[in-house]
PDB file of N, CA and C in Angstrom:
ATOM      1  N   MET A   1     -29.871  10.219  -3.280  1.00  0.00           N
ATOM      2  CA  MET A   1     -28.871   9.304  -3.057  1.00  0.00           C
ATOM      3  C   MET A   1     -27.788   9.505  -2.666  1.00  0.00           C
ATOM      4  N   ALA A   2     -27.056   8.525  -1.376  1.00  0.00           N
ATOM      5  CA  ALA A   2     -26.106   8.986  -0.996  1.00  0.00           C
ATOM      6  C   ALA A   2     -24.560   8.119  -2.367  1.00  0.00           C
ATOM      7  N   ILE A   3     -23.678   8.662  -2.291  1.00  0.00           N
ATOM      8  CA  ILE A   3     -22.259   8.553  -2.877  1.00  0.00           C
ATOM      9  C   ILE A   3     -21.407   7.912  -2.343  1.00  0.00           C
ATOM     10  N   ILE A   4     -21.310   8.517  -1.316  1.00  0.00           N
ATOM     11  CA  ILE A   4     -20.372   7.897  -0.413  1.00  0.00           C
ATOM     12  C   ILE A   4     -20.766   7.101   1.002  1.00  0.00           C
ATOM     13  N   THR A   5     -20.454   5.943   0.940  1.00  0.00           N
ATOM     14  CA  THR A   5     -21.535   4.887   1.675  1.00  0.00           C
ATOM     15  C   THR A   5     -20.575   4.826   2.968  1.00  0.00           C
ATOM     16  N   ASN A   6     -19.144   4.528   3.074  1.00  0.00           N
ATOM     17  CA  ASN A   6     -18.378   3.725   3.950  1.00  0.00           C
ATOM     18  C   ASN A   6     -18.266   4.241   5.128  1.00  0.00           C
ATOM     19  N   ASN A   7     -18.577   5.797   5.701  1.00  0.00           N
ATOM     20  CA  ASN A   7     -18.219   6.714   7.077  1.00  0.00           C
ATOM     21  C   ASN A   7     -16.586   6.391   6.743  1.00  0.00           C
ATOM     22  N   PRO A   8     -15.929   7.024   6.342  1.00  0.00           N
ATOM     23  CA  PRO A   8     -14.715   7.293   6.371  1.00  0.00           C
ATOM     24  C   PRO A   8     -14.867   8.236   7.740  1.00  0.00           C
ATOM     25  N   THR A   9     -13.383   7.633   8.586  1.00  0.00           N
ATOM     26  CA  THR A   9     -13.062   8.243   9.626  1.00  0.00           C
ATOM     27  C   THR A   9     -11.874   8.532   9.930  1.00  0.00           C
ATOM     28  N   ALA A  10     -11.253   9.107  10.807  1.00  0.00           N
ATOM     29  CA  ALA A  10     -10.105   9.992  10.662  1.00  0.00           C
ATOM     30  C   ALA A  10      -8.961   8.855  11.335  1.00  0.00           C
ATOM     31  N   TYR A  11      -7.910   8.723  10.698  1.00  0.00           N
ATOM     32  CA  TYR A  11      -6.535   7.538  11.072  1.00  0.00           C
ATOM     33  C   TYR A  11      -7.096   6.351  10.701  1.00  0.00           C
ATOM     34  N   ASP A  12      -8.228   6.640   9.381  1.00  0.00           N
ATOM     35  CA  ASP A  12      -8.439   5.202   8.789  1.00  0.00           C
ATOM     36  C   ASP A  12      -8.242   5.623   7.495  1.00  0.00           C
ATOM     37  N   ALA A  13      -6.886   5.214   7.003  1.00  0.00           N
ATOM     38  CA  ALA A  13      -6.532   5.657   5.626  1.00  0.00           C
ATOM     39  C   ALA A  13      -7.132   5.031   4.350  1.00  0.00           C
ATOM     40  N   ALA A  14      -7.645   4.081   4.623  1.00  0.00           N
ATOM     41  CA  ALA A  14      -8.038   3.430   3.643  1.00  0.00           C
ATOM     42  C   ALA A  14      -9.584   3.582   3.261  1.00  0.00           C
ATOM     43  N   SER A  15     -10.237   3.918   4.847  1.00  0.00           N
ATOM     44  CA  SER A  15     -11.893   4.784   3.968  1.00  0.00           C
ATOM     45  C   SER A  15     -11.549   5.918   3.815  1.00  0.00           C
ATOM     46  N   TRP A  16     -10.504   6.974   3.636  1.00  0.00           N
ATOM     47  CA  TRP A  16     -10.060   7.787   2.675  1.00  0.00           C
ATOM     48  C   TRP A  16     -10.164   7.617   1.040  1.00  0.00           C
ATOM     49  N   ILE A  17      -9.329   6.320   0.889  1.00  0.00           N
ATOM     50  CA  ILE A  17      -9.216   5.704  -0.419  1.00  0.00           C
ATOM     51  C   ILE A  17     -10.692   5.245  -0.853  1.00  0.00           C
ATOM     52  N   ILE A  18     -11.255   4.597  -0.286  1.00  0.00           N
ATOM     53  CA  ILE A  18     -13.020   4.044  -0.743  1.00  0.00           C
ATOM     54  C   ILE A  18     -13.850   5.430  -0.966  1.00  0.00           C
ATOM     55  N   ALA A  19     -13.352   6.266   0.060  1.00  0.00           N
ATOM     56  CA  ALA A  19     -14.508   7.848   0.015  1.00  0.00           C
ATOM     57  C   ALA A  19     -14.057   8.447  -1.313  1.00  0.00           C
ATOM     58  N   LEU A  20     -12.918   8.211  -1.642  1.00  0.00           N
ATOM     59  CA  LEU A  20     -12.840   8.708  -2.908  1.00  0.00           C
ATOM     60  C   LEU A  20     -13.241   8.296  -3.916  1.00  0.00           C
ATOM     61  N   TRP A  21     -13.115   7.198  -3.813  1.00  0.00           N
ATOM     62  CA  TRP A  21     -13.267   5.838  -4.993  1.00  0.00           C
ATOM     63  C   TRP A  21     -15.296   6.144  -5.475  1.00  0.00           C
ATOM     64  N   GLU A  22     -15.466   6.066  -4.628  1.00  0.00           N
ATOM     65  CA  GLU A  22     -16.574   6.323  -4.835  1.00  0.00           C
ATOM     66  C   GLU A  22     -17.594   7.519  -5.690  1.00  0.00           C
ATOM     67  N   PRO A  23     -16.909   8.388  -5.454  1.00  0.00           N
ATOM     68  CA  PRO A  23     -17.681   9.782  -6.255  1.00  0.00           C
ATOM     69  C   PRO A  23     -17.163   9.627  -7.142  1.00  0.00           C
ATOM     70  N   LEU A  24     -15.884   9.230  -7.350  1.00  0.00           N
ATOM     71  CA  LEU A  24     -14.721   9.246  -8.701  1.00  0.00           C
ATOM     72  C   LEU A  24     -15.805   8.013  -9.767  1.00  0.00           C
ATOM     73  N   GLN A  25     -16.107   6.963  -9.199  1.00  0.00           N
ATOM     74  CA  GLN A  25     -16.542   5.520 -10.061  1.00  0.00           C
ATOM     75  C   GLN A  25     -18.266   6.754 -10.334  1.00  0.00           C
ATOM     76  N   HIS A  26     -18.828   6.992  -9.514  1.00  0.00           N
ATOM     77  CA  HIS A  26     -20.153   7.813  -9.715  1.00  0.00           C
ATOM     78  C   HIS A  26     -19.866   8.525 -10.997  1.00  0.00           C
ATOM     79  N   TRP A  27     -19.061   9.493 -10.662  1.00  0.00           N
ATOM     80  CA  TRP A  27     -19.015  10.880 -12.180  1.00  0.00           C
ATOM     81  C   TRP A  27     -18.124   9.605 -13.331  1.00  0.00           C
ATOM     82  N   ARG A  28     -17.673   8.543 -13.166  1.00  0.00           N
ATOM     83  CA  ARG A  28     -17.111   7.709 -14.305  1.00  0.00           C
ATOM     84  C   ARG A  28     -18.791   7.320 -15.070  1.00  0.00           C
ATOM     85  N   HIS A  29     -19.121   6.623 -13.951  1.00  0.00           N
ATOM     86  CA  HIS A  29     -20.379   5.274 -14.932  1.00  0.00           C
ATOM     87  C   HIS A  29     -21.653   6.514 -15.258  1.00  0.00           C
ATOM     88  N   ASP A  30     -21.863   8.056 -14.580  1.00  0.00           N
ATOM     89  CA  ASP A  30     -22.895   8.741 -14.896  1.00  0.00           C
ATOM     90  C   ASP A  30     -23.046   9.840 -15.148  1.00  0.00           C
ATOM     91  N   LEU A  31     -21.647  10.224 -15.322  1.00  0.00           N
ATOM     92  CA  LEU A  31     -21.504  11.314 -16.133  1.00  0.00           C
ATOM     93  C   LEU A  31     -20.262  11.278 -16.896  1.00  0.00           C
ATOM     94  N   CYS A  32     -19.584  10.616 -17.559  1.00  0.00           N
ATOM     95  CA  CYS A  32     -18.963  10.185 -18.838  1.00  0.00           C
ATOM     96  C   CYS A  32     -18.803   9.380 -19.603  1.00  0.00           C
ATOM     97  N   GLU A  33     -18.670   9.647 -21.209  1.00  0.00           N
ATOM     98  CA  GLU A  33     -19.255   8.929 -21.966  1.00  0.00           C
ATOM     99  C   GLU A  33     -17.841   7.781 -22.236  1.00  0.00           C
ATOM    100  N   GLU A  34     -18.103   6.638 -21.918  1.00  0.00           N
ATOM    101  CA  GLU A  34     -17.231   5.470 -22.025  1.00  0.00           C
ATOM    102  C   GLU A  34     -17.256   5.356 -24.118  1.00  0.00           C
ATOM    103  N   GLY A  35     -15.626   5.222 -24.018  1.00  0.00           N
ATOM    104  CA  GLY A  35     -15.251   5.436 -25.335  1.00  0.00           C
ATOM    105  C   GLY A  35     -14.920   6.969 -25.981  1.00  0.00           C
ATOM    106  N   ASP A  36     -15.374   8.098 -25.310  1.00  0.00           N
ATOM    107  CA  ASP A  36     -15.010   9.209 -25.463  1.00  0.00           C
ATOM    108  C   ASP A  36     -13.717   9.250 -25.397  1.00  0.00           C
ATOM    109  N   GLU A  37     -12.826   9.507 -26.270  1.00  0.00           N
ATOM    110  CA  GLU A  37     -11.302   9.690 -25.875  1.00  0.00           C
ATOM    111  C   GLU A  37     -10.990  10.595 -24.785  1.00  0.00           C
ATOM    112  N   GLU A  38     -11.578  11.982 -24.670  1.00  0.00           N
ATOM    113  CA  GLU A  38     -11.259  13.059 -23.598  1.00  0.00           C
ATOM    114  C   GLU A  38     -11.931  12.161 -22.439  1.00  0.00           C
ATOM    115  N   ASP A  39     -12.726  11.483 -22.004  1.00  0.00           N
ATOM    116  CA  ASP A  39     -13.465  11.040 -20.916  1.00  0.00           C
ATOM    117  C   ASP A  39     -12.689   9.967 -20.637  1.00  0.00           C
ATOM    118  N   ASP A  40     -11.950   9.205 -21.301  1.00  0.00           N
ATOM    119  CA  ASP A  40     -11.073   8.273 -21.227  1.00  0.00           C
ATOM    120  C   ASP A  40      -9.980   8.503 -20.889  1.00  0.00           C
ATOM    121  N   LYS A  41      -9.004   9.861 -21.516  1.00  0.00           N
ATOM    122  CA  LYS A  41      -8.175   9.901 -20.962  1.00  0.00           C
ATOM    123  C   LYS A  41      -8.174  10.923 -19.857  1.00  0.00           C
ATOM    124  N   ASP A  42      -9.330  11.124 -19.130  1.00  0.00           N
ATOM    125  CA  ASP A  42      -9.352  11.707 -17.777  1.00  0.00           C
ATOM    126  C   ASP A  42      -9.407  11.253 -17.116  1.00  0.00           C
ATOM    127  N   TRP A  43     -10.078   9.843 -17.213  1.00  0.00           N
ATOM    128  CA  TRP A  43     -10.362   9.102 -16.025  1.00  0.00           C
ATOM    129  C   TRP A  43      -9.215   7.987 -16.082  1.00  0.00           C
ATOM    130  N   ASP A  44      -8.146   7.704 -16.930  1.00  0.00           N
ATOM    131  CA  ASP A  44      -6.953   7.247 -16.800  1.00  0.00           C
ATOM    132  C   ASP A  44      -5.874   7.885 -15.827  1.00  0.00           C
ATOM    133  N   GLU A  45      -6.248   9.563 -16.268  1.00  0.00           N
ATOM    134  CA  GLU A  45      -5.427   9.886 -15.340  1.00  0.00           C
ATOM    135  C   GLU A  45      -5.771  10.196 -13.898  1.00  0.00           C
ATOM    136  N   VAL A  46      -7.197   9.980 -13.598  1.00  0.00           N
ATOM    137  CA  VAL A  46      -7.683  10.025 -12.051  1.00  0.00           C
ATOM    138  C   VAL A  46      -7.726   8.775 -11.812  1.00  0.00           C
ATOM    139  N   CYS A  47      -7.236   7.422 -12.249  1.00  0.00           N
ATOM    140  CA  CYS A  47      -6.840   5.700 -11.809  1.00  0.00           C
ATOM    141  C   CYS A  47      -5.288   5.909 -11.425  1.00  0.00           C
ATOM    142  N   THR A  48      -4.593   6.992 -12.782  1.00  0.00           N
ATOM    143  CA  THR A  48      -3.169   6.988 -12.364  1.00  0.00           C
ATOM    144  C   THR A  48      -2.883   7.584 -10.366  1.00  0.00           C
ATOM    145  N   VAL A  49      -3.721   8.799 -10.429  1.00  0.00           N
ATOM    146  CA  VAL A  49      -3.311   9.588  -9.406  1.00  0.00           C
ATOM    147  C   VAL A  49      -3.654   8.901  -8.280  1.00  0.00           C
ATOM    148  N   MET A  50      -5.033   8.020  -8.609  1.00  0.00           N
ATOM    149  CA  MET A  50      -5.581   7.395  -7.307  1.00  0.00           C
ATOM    150  C   MET A  50      -4.840   5.783  -7.006  1.00  0.00           C
ATOM    151  N   ALA A  51      -4.215   5.720  -7.828  1.00  0.00           N
ATOM    152  CA  ALA A  51      -2.847   4.575  -7.433  1.00  0.00           C
ATOM    153  C   ALA A  51      -1.378   5.109  -6.896  1.00  0.00           C
ATOM    154  N   TRP A  52      -1.350   6.406  -7.194  1.00  0.00           N
ATOM    155  CA  TRP A  52      -0.436   7.052  -6.396  1.00  0.00           C
ATOM    156  C   TRP A  52      -0.780   7.155  -5.280  1.00  0.00           C
ATOM    157  N   LEU A  53      -2.090   7.842  -4.799  1.00  0.00           N
ATOM    158  CA  LEU A  53      -2.187   8.130  -3.736  1.00  0.00           C
ATOM    159  C   LEU A  53      -2.280   6.656  -2.688  1.00  0.00           C
ATOM    160  N   THR A  54      -2.576   6.148  -3.279  1.00  0.00           N
ATOM    161  CA  THR A  54      -3.142   4.828  -2.737  1.00  0.00           C
ATOM    162  C   THR A  54      -2.085   3.844  -2.484  1.00  0.00           C
ATOM    163  N   SER A  55      -0.796   4.269  -2.787  1.00  0.00           N
ATOM    164  CA  SER A  55       0.593   3.614  -2.338  1.00  0.00           C
ATOM    165  C   SER A  55       1.329   4.787  -2.122  1.00  0.00           C
ATOM    166  N   GLU A  56       1.030   5.781  -2.061  1.00  0.00           N
ATOM    167  CA  GLU A  56       1.599   6.917  -0.840  1.00  0.00           C
ATOM    168  C   GLU A  56       1.305   6.621   0.771  1.00  0.00           C
ATOM    169  N   LEU A  57      -0.096   6.443   0.582  1.00  0.00           N
ATOM    170  CA  LEU A  57      -0.549   6.457   2.012  1.00  0.00           C
ATOM    171  C   LEU A  57      -0.169   4.713   2.839  1.00  0.00           C
ATOM    172  N   GLY A  58       0.554   3.436   1.534  1.00  0.00           N
ATOM    173  CA  GLY A  58       0.800   2.572   2.279  1.00  0.00           C
ATOM    174  C   GLY A  58       0.148   1.065   1.850  1.00  0.00           C
ATOM    175  N   TYR A  59      -1.029   1.727   1.080  1.00  0.00           N
ATOM    176  CA  TYR A  59      -2.127   1.015   0.649  1.00  0.00           C
ATOM    177  C   TYR A  59      -1.555   0.260  -0.548  1.00  0.00           C
ATOM    178  N   GLU A  60      -2.260  -1.238  -0.879  1.00  0.00           N
ATOM    179  CA  GLU A  60      -2.683  -1.844  -2.290  1.00  0.00           C
ATOM    180  C   GLU A  60      -3.405  -2.867  -2.683  1.00  0.00           C
ATOM    181  N   TYR A  61      -4.281  -3.050  -3.762  1.00  0.00           N
ATOM    182  CA  TYR A  61      -5.358  -3.538  -4.121  1.00  0.00           C
ATOM    183  C   TYR A  61      -5.096  -5.383  -4.473  1.00  0.00           C
ATOM    184  N   ASN A  62      -5.143  -6.510  -3.563  1.00  0.00           N
ATOM    185  CA  ASN A  62      -4.574  -7.643  -3.900  1.00  0.00           C
ATOM    186  C   ASN A  62      -5.451  -7.847  -4.715  1.00  0.00           C
ATOM    187  N   SER A  63      -5.097  -9.524  -5.335  1.00  0.00           N
ATOM    188  CA  SER A  63      -5.578  -9.688  -6.104  1.00  0.00           C
ATOM    189  C   SER A  63      -7.229 -10.228  -6.285  1.00  0.00           C
ATOM    190  N   ASN A  64      -7.732 -10.118  -4.493  1.00  0.00           N
ATOM    191  CA  ASN A  64      -9.276 -10.362  -4.743  1.00  0.00           C
ATOM    192  C   ASN A  64      -9.999  -8.940  -4.861  1.00  0.00           C
ATOM    193  N   GLY A  65      -9.171  -8.150  -4.954  1.00  0.00           N
ATOM    194  CA  GLY A  65      -9.483  -6.260  -5.151  1.00  0.00           C
ATOM    195  C   GLY A  65      -9.702  -5.752  -4.249  1.00  0.00           C
ATOM    196  N   ASP A  66      -9.244  -6.557  -2.495  1.00  0.00           N
ATOM    197  CA  ASP A  66      -9.479  -6.047  -1.681  1.00  0.00           C
ATOM    198  C   ASP A  66      -8.412  -4.692  -1.422  1.00  0.00           C
ATOM    199  N   LEU A  67      -8.654  -3.815  -0.519  1.00  0.00           N
ATOM    200  CA  LEU A  67      -7.474  -2.763   0.081  1.00  0.00           C
ATOM    201  C   LEU A  67      -6.630  -3.321   1.006  1.00  0.00           C
ATOM    202  N   CYS A  68      -5.543  -3.000   1.149  1.00  0.00           N
ATOM    203  CA  CYS A  68      -4.728  -3.866   1.901  1.00  0.00           C
ATOM    204  C   CYS A  68      -3.495  -3.017   2.156  1.00  0.00           C
ATOM    205  N   LEU A  69      -3.226  -3.339   3.562  1.00  0.00           N
ATOM    206  CA  LEU A  69      -1.965  -2.370   3.771  1.00  0.00           C
ATOM    207  C   LEU A  69      -0.608  -3.264   2.875  1.00  0.00           C
ATOM    208  N   ILE A  70       0.419  -2.696   2.832  1.00  0.00           N
ATOM    209  CA  ILE A  70       1.332  -2.838   1.836  1.00  0.00           C
ATOM    210  C   ILE A  70       2.418  -3.477   3.239  1.00  0.00           C
ATOM    211  N   PRO A  71       2.944  -4.407   3.393  1.00  0.00           N
ATOM    212  CA  PRO A  71       3.388  -5.088   4.645  1.00  0.00           C
ATOM    213  C   PRO A  71       5.308  -4.148   4.413  1.00  0.00           C
ATOM    214  N   GLU A  72       5.699  -4.423   5.484  1.00  0.00           N
ATOM    215  CA  GLU A  72       6.856  -3.403   5.376  1.00  0.00           C
ATOM    216  C   GLU A  72       8.011  -4.314   5.097  1.00  0.00           C
ATOM    217  N   GLU A  73       8.645  -3.834   4.072  1.00  0.00           N
ATOM    218  CA  GLU A  73      10.044  -4.865   3.837  1.00  0.00           C
ATOM    219  C   GLU A  73      10.836  -4.631   5.122  1.00  0.00           C
ATOM    220  N   PRO A  74      11.473  -5.408   5.183  1.00  0.00           N
ATOM    221  CA  PRO A  74      12.673  -5.659   6.732  1.00  0.00           C
ATOM    222  C   PRO A  74      13.773  -4.283   6.333  1.00  0.00           C
ATOM    223  N   ASP A  75      14.348  -4.040   7.488  1.00  0.00           N
ATOM    224  CA  ASP A  75      15.342  -3.368   7.544  1.00  0.00           C
ATOM    225  C   ASP A  75      16.723  -4.605   6.461  1.00  0.00           C
ATOM    226  N   ASP A  76      17.121  -3.673   5.954  1.00  0.00           N
ATOM    227  CA  ASP A  76      18.613  -4.345   5.279  1.00  0.00           C
ATOM    228  C   ASP A  76      19.848  -4.761   6.422  1.00  0.00           C
ATOM    229  N   GLU A  77      19.577  -3.845   7.173  1.00  0.00           N
ATOM    230  CA  GLU A  77      20.764  -3.387   8.077  1.00  0.00           C
ATOM    231  C   GLU A  77      20.619  -4.617   9.085  1.00  0.00           C
ATOM    232  N   PRO A  78      21.648  -5.530   9.322  1.00  0.00           N
ATOM    233  CA  PRO A  78      21.828  -6.090  10.418  1.00  0.00           C
ATOM    234  C   PRO A  78      21.462  -5.721  11.648  1.00  0.00           C
ATOM    235  N   ASP A  79      20.740  -6.602  13.160  1.00  0.00           N
ATOM    236  CA  ASP A  79      21.200  -5.953  14.180  1.00  0.00           C
ATOM    237  C   ASP A  79      22.278  -5.838  14.611  1.00  0.00           C
ATOM    238  N   PRO A  80      22.962  -4.910  15.375  1.00  0.00           N
ATOM    239  CA  PRO A  80      24.384  -4.909  15.854  1.00  0.00           C
ATOM    240  C   PRO A  80      24.282  -5.826  17.117  1.00  0.00           C
ATOM    241  N   LYS A  81      23.568  -5.969  17.925  1.00  0.00           N
ATOM    242  CA  LYS A  81      23.146  -6.915  19.220  1.00  0.00           C
ATOM    243  C   LYS A  81      23.109  -8.550  18.639  1.00  0.00           C
ATOM    244  N   VAL A  82      22.578  -8.757  17.267  1.00  0.00           N
ATOM    245  CA  VAL A  82      22.405  -9.846  16.870  1.00  0.00           C
ATOM    246  C   VAL A  82      24.092 -10.338  16.410  1.00  0.00           C
ATOM    247  N   GLU A  83      24.615  -9.296  15.358  1.00  0.00           N
ATOM    248  CA  GLU A  83      25.950  -9.240  14.868  1.00  0.00           C
ATOM    249  C   GLU A  83      26.305  -9.849  15.673  1.00  0.00           C
ATOM    250  N   GLU A  84      26.836  -8.948  17.536  1.00  0.00           N
ATOM    251  CA  GLU A  84      28.029  -9.128  18.241  1.00  0.00           C
ATOM    252  C   GLU A  84      27.590 -10.796  18.894  1.00  0.00           C
ATOM    253  N   LYS A  85      26.440 -11.071  18.570  1.00  0.00           N
ATOM    254  CA  LYS A  85      25.876 -12.523  19.563  1.00  0.00           C
ATOM    255  C   LYS A  85      26.556 -13.783  18.792  1.00  0.00           C
ATOM    256  N   ILE A  86      26.626 -13.568  17.259  1.00  0.00           N
ATOM    257  CA  ILE A  86      27.107 -14.297  16.049  1.00  0.00           C
ATOM    258  C   ILE A  86      28.552 -14.327  15.921  1.00  0.00           C
ATOM    259  N   ARG A  87      29.156 -13.161  16.441  1.00  0.00           N
ATOM    260  CA  ARG A  87      30.499 -13.098  16.419  1.00  0.00           C
ATOM    261  C   ARG A  87      30.850 -13.995  17.793  1.00  0.00           C
ATOM    262  N   THR A  88      30.289 -13.525  19.170  1.00  0.00           N
ATOM    263  CA  THR A  88      30.620 -14.371  20.604  1.00  0.00           C
ATOM    264  C   THR A  88      30.393 -15.811  20.325  1.00  0.00           C
ATOM    265  N   LEU A  89      29.665 -16.911  19.539  1.00  0.00           N
ATOM    266  CA  LEU A  89      29.177 -17.889  19.457  1.00  0.00           C
ATOM    267  C   LEU A  89      30.146 -18.140  18.158  1.00  0.00           C
ATOM    268  N   VAL A  90      30.998 -17.769  17.462  1.00  0.00           N
ATOM    269  CA  VAL A  90      31.634 -18.157  16.543  1.00  0.00           C
ATOM    270  C   VAL A  90      33.194 -18.430  17.320  1.00  0.00           C
ATOM    271  N   ARG A  91      33.550 -16.926  17.868  1.00  0.00           N
ATOM    272  CA  ARG A  91      34.669 -17.449  18.941  1.00  0.00           C
ATOM    273  C   ARG A  91      34.380 -18.469  19.515  1.00  0.00           C
ATOM    274  N   ARG A  92      33.661 -18.588  20.279  1.00  0.00           N
ATOM    275  CA  ARG A  92      33.462 -19.827  21.307  1.00  0.00           C
ATOM    276  C   ARG A  92      33.486 -21.094  20.404  1.00  0.00           C
ATOM    277  N   VAL A  93      33.200 -21.350  19.537  1.00  0.00           N
ATOM    278  CA  VAL A  93      33.161 -23.065  18.664  1.00  0.00           C
ATOM    279  C   VAL A  93      34.309 -22.952  17.877  1.00  0.00           C
ATOM    280  N   LEU A  94      35.067 -22.026  17.109  1.00  0.00           N
ATOM    281  CA  LEU A  94      36.162 -22.013  17.249  1.00  0.00           C
ATOM    282  C   LEU A  94      37.565 -21.977  18.180  1.00  0.00           C
ATOM    283  N   ASN A  95      37.344 -21.378  19.512  1.00  0.00           N
ATOM    284  CA  ASN A  95      37.989 -21.777  20.363  1.00  0.00           C
ATOM    285  C   ASN A  95      38.053 -23.198  20.963  1.00  0.00           C
ATOM    286  N   GLU A  96      36.776 -23.664  21.209  1.00  0.00           N
ATOM    287  CA  GLU A  96      36.398 -25.033  21.441  1.00  0.00           C
ATOM    288  C   GLU A  96      36.654 -26.074  20.543  1.00  0.00           C
ATOM    289  N   GLY A  97      37.102 -25.939  19.121  1.00  0.00           N
ATOM    290  CA  GLY A  97      37.528 -26.735  18.530  1.00  0.00           C
ATOM    291  C   GLY A  97      39.291 -26.817  18.461  1.00  0.00           C
ATOM    292  N   SER A  98      39.858 -25.583  18.571  1.00  0.00           N
ATOM    293  CA  SER A  98      41.471 -25.759  18.934  1.00  0.00           C
ATOM    294  C   SER A  98      42.052 -26.720  19.737  1.00  0.00           C
ATOM    295  N   ASN A  99      40.639 -26.592  21.145  1.00  0.00           N
ATOM    296  CA  ASN A  99      41.391 -27.321  22.089  1.00  0.00           C
ATOM    297  C   ASN A  99      41.246 -28.812  22.109  1.00  0.00           C
TER     298      ASN A  99
END
């Protein structure tokens, strides 16, 4: 029986995450007793670590349970070229208004 079925590949972090989850879920369902306090604690720790790894690799699960890249947040720093263009435009508008 194949446990890893997704064919993980280099440079595809999502495939690595899935390749890790498959044997972990196999372990959970086939080798651990649900309701056993120790097993449940171990599973909770595994899930926490997998969440950290997933996030560190730049992924998250969406509301459908699909693995997706986390959108990059835009820079808070304004582009200096854009700022200069705005200043130039404001000066021009102010100069035209004073004539």
